[in-house]
Protein backbone atom coordinates (compact mmCIF):
# COMPACT_ATOMS: atom_id res chain seq x y z
CA MET A 1 -22.00 19.36 -4.40
CA LYS A 2 -20.31 15.99 -3.51
CA THR A 3 -21.77 12.61 -4.41
CA ILE A 4 -22.59 9.89 -1.60
CA ILE A 5 -19.67 7.91 -2.82
CA GLU A 6 -17.16 10.81 -2.47
CA ARG A 7 -18.47 11.51 1.06
CA ASN A 8 -18.16 8.00 1.90
CA TYR A 9 -14.57 7.54 0.90
CA ILE A 10 -13.58 10.50 3.02
CA LYS A 11 -15.47 9.22 5.91
CA ASP A 12 -13.94 5.78 5.30
CA PHE A 13 -10.50 7.26 5.29
CA CYS A 14 -11.19 9.25 8.59
CA CYS A 15 -12.36 5.99 10.17
CA GLU A 16 -9.23 4.02 9.00
CA LEU A 17 -7.01 6.66 10.55
CA GLN A 18 -9.00 6.39 13.93
CA TYR A 19 -8.75 2.58 13.72
CA ARG A 20 -5.07 3.02 13.53
CA ASN A 21 -5.00 5.48 16.52
CA TYR A 22 -3.97 8.43 14.64
CA SER A 23 -4.40 11.60 16.46
CA GLU A 24 -7.31 14.05 15.58
CA SER A 25 -4.69 16.78 14.43
CA THR A 26 -3.09 14.15 12.03
CA ILE A 27 -6.56 13.08 10.73
CA LYS A 28 -7.47 16.64 10.10
CA ASN A 29 -4.10 17.41 8.64
CA TYR A 30 -4.25 14.40 6.19
CA LYS A 31 -7.80 15.35 5.18
CA GLU A 32 -6.84 18.81 4.34
CA LEU A 33 -3.78 17.67 2.40
CA LEU A 34 -6.07 15.39 0.39
CA LYS A 35 -8.53 18.34 -0.40
CA LYS A 36 -5.83 20.47 -1.55
CA LEU A 37 -4.59 17.75 -3.87
CA GLU A 38 -8.05 17.14 -5.12
CA LYS A 39 -8.57 20.81 -5.87
CA TRP A 40 -5.35 21.49 -7.42
CA VAL A 41 -5.60 18.51 -9.84
CA ASN A 42 -9.28 19.23 -10.37
CA THR A 43 -10.07 15.36 -10.45
CA PRO A 44 -11.76 13.20 -7.81
CA LEU A 45 -9.21 11.48 -5.45
CA ASN A 46 -10.12 8.07 -6.89
CA GLU A 47 -9.02 9.16 -10.40
CA ILE A 48 -5.85 10.86 -9.72
CA THR A 49 -3.02 9.56 -11.77
CA THR A 50 0.63 8.86 -10.62
CA ASN A 51 1.91 11.81 -13.10
CA GLN A 52 -0.91 14.08 -11.64
CA LEU A 53 0.35 13.37 -8.07
CA LYS A 54 3.98 13.81 -9.06
CA ASP A 55 3.15 17.19 -10.68
CA TYR A 56 1.26 18.22 -7.61
CA LEU A 57 4.13 17.35 -5.14
CA HIS A 58 6.50 19.12 -7.61
CA TYR A 59 4.34 22.14 -7.53
CA ARG A 60 4.10 22.09 -3.67
CA ILE A 61 7.98 21.80 -3.26
CA THR A 62 8.89 24.48 -6.05
CA VAL A 63 6.27 26.95 -5.75
CA ASP A 64 4.92 26.67 -2.18
CA ASN A 65 8.22 25.78 -0.76
CA VAL A 66 6.82 23.32 1.54
CA SER A 67 9.09 21.21 3.86
CA VAL A 68 10.09 17.49 3.16
CA SER A 69 7.85 16.61 5.95
CA THR A 70 4.70 18.20 4.40
CA ILE A 71 5.56 16.24 1.13
CA ASN A 72 5.81 12.95 3.11
CA GLN A 73 2.54 13.50 4.91
CA SER A 74 0.83 14.12 1.45
CA ILE A 75 2.35 10.82 0.16
CA SER A 76 1.28 9.00 3.19
CA ALA A 77 -2.24 10.25 3.09
CA PHE A 78 -2.58 9.34 -0.48
CA LYS A 79 -1.12 5.98 0.06
CA ILE A 80 -3.58 5.12 2.89
CA LEU A 81 -6.38 6.29 0.81
CA GLN A 82 -5.27 4.30 -2.23
CA THR A 83 -4.29 1.06 -0.63
CA ASP A 84 -6.74 0.81 2.34
CA ILE A 85 -9.92 2.69 1.01
CA PHE A 86 -9.70 2.11 -2.78
CA GLY A 87 -7.86 -1.32 -2.45
CA ARG A 88 -5.22 -0.48 -5.07
CA GLN A 89 -1.56 -1.81 -5.11
CA TRP A 90 0.82 1.00 -4.10
CA GLU A 91 3.47 -0.08 -6.55
CA GLN A 92 1.47 1.20 -9.51
CA PHE A 93 2.11 4.75 -8.28
CA LYS A 94 5.74 4.50 -7.65
CA ILE A 95 6.03 7.65 -5.63
CA LYS A 96 9.46 7.77 -3.92
CA ARG A 97 9.74 10.06 -0.81
CA PRO A 98 12.18 12.94 -0.96
CA ARG A 99 15.33 12.92 1.00
CA ARG A 100 15.43 14.69 4.18
CA GLU A 101 17.22 17.99 4.49
CA VAL A 102 20.73 17.67 6.08
CA LYS A 103 21.15 20.50 8.71
CA ILE A 104 24.51 21.53 9.66
CA PRO A 105 24.66 21.86 13.51
CA VAL A 106 25.44 25.28 14.79
CA VAL A 107 28.60 25.25 17.02
CA LEU A 108 28.70 27.96 19.72
CA LEU A 109 32.21 29.22 20.59
């Protein structure tokens, strides 16, 4: 069972996204991405380290084969949680975003 504090930071996170006028689907997606992270790391979101986050993102890229966009969404959700809800400096996490995939255009003859 989640503690009151754990429920409050998820609630605060959702409220923050609503204040920023994020769509309901984005809020739902960010929330799900954070839940997956918390479950995979098996650590409360407020205690996750940079290395744990990087390991999780590496797993998602190599094993789950998720897109660059999904990785960027995970980073964005985690960044908002850390900076705006927990009041931490983002620089301490030093998570760089992956480069976008270069797609070669299809030329029809």
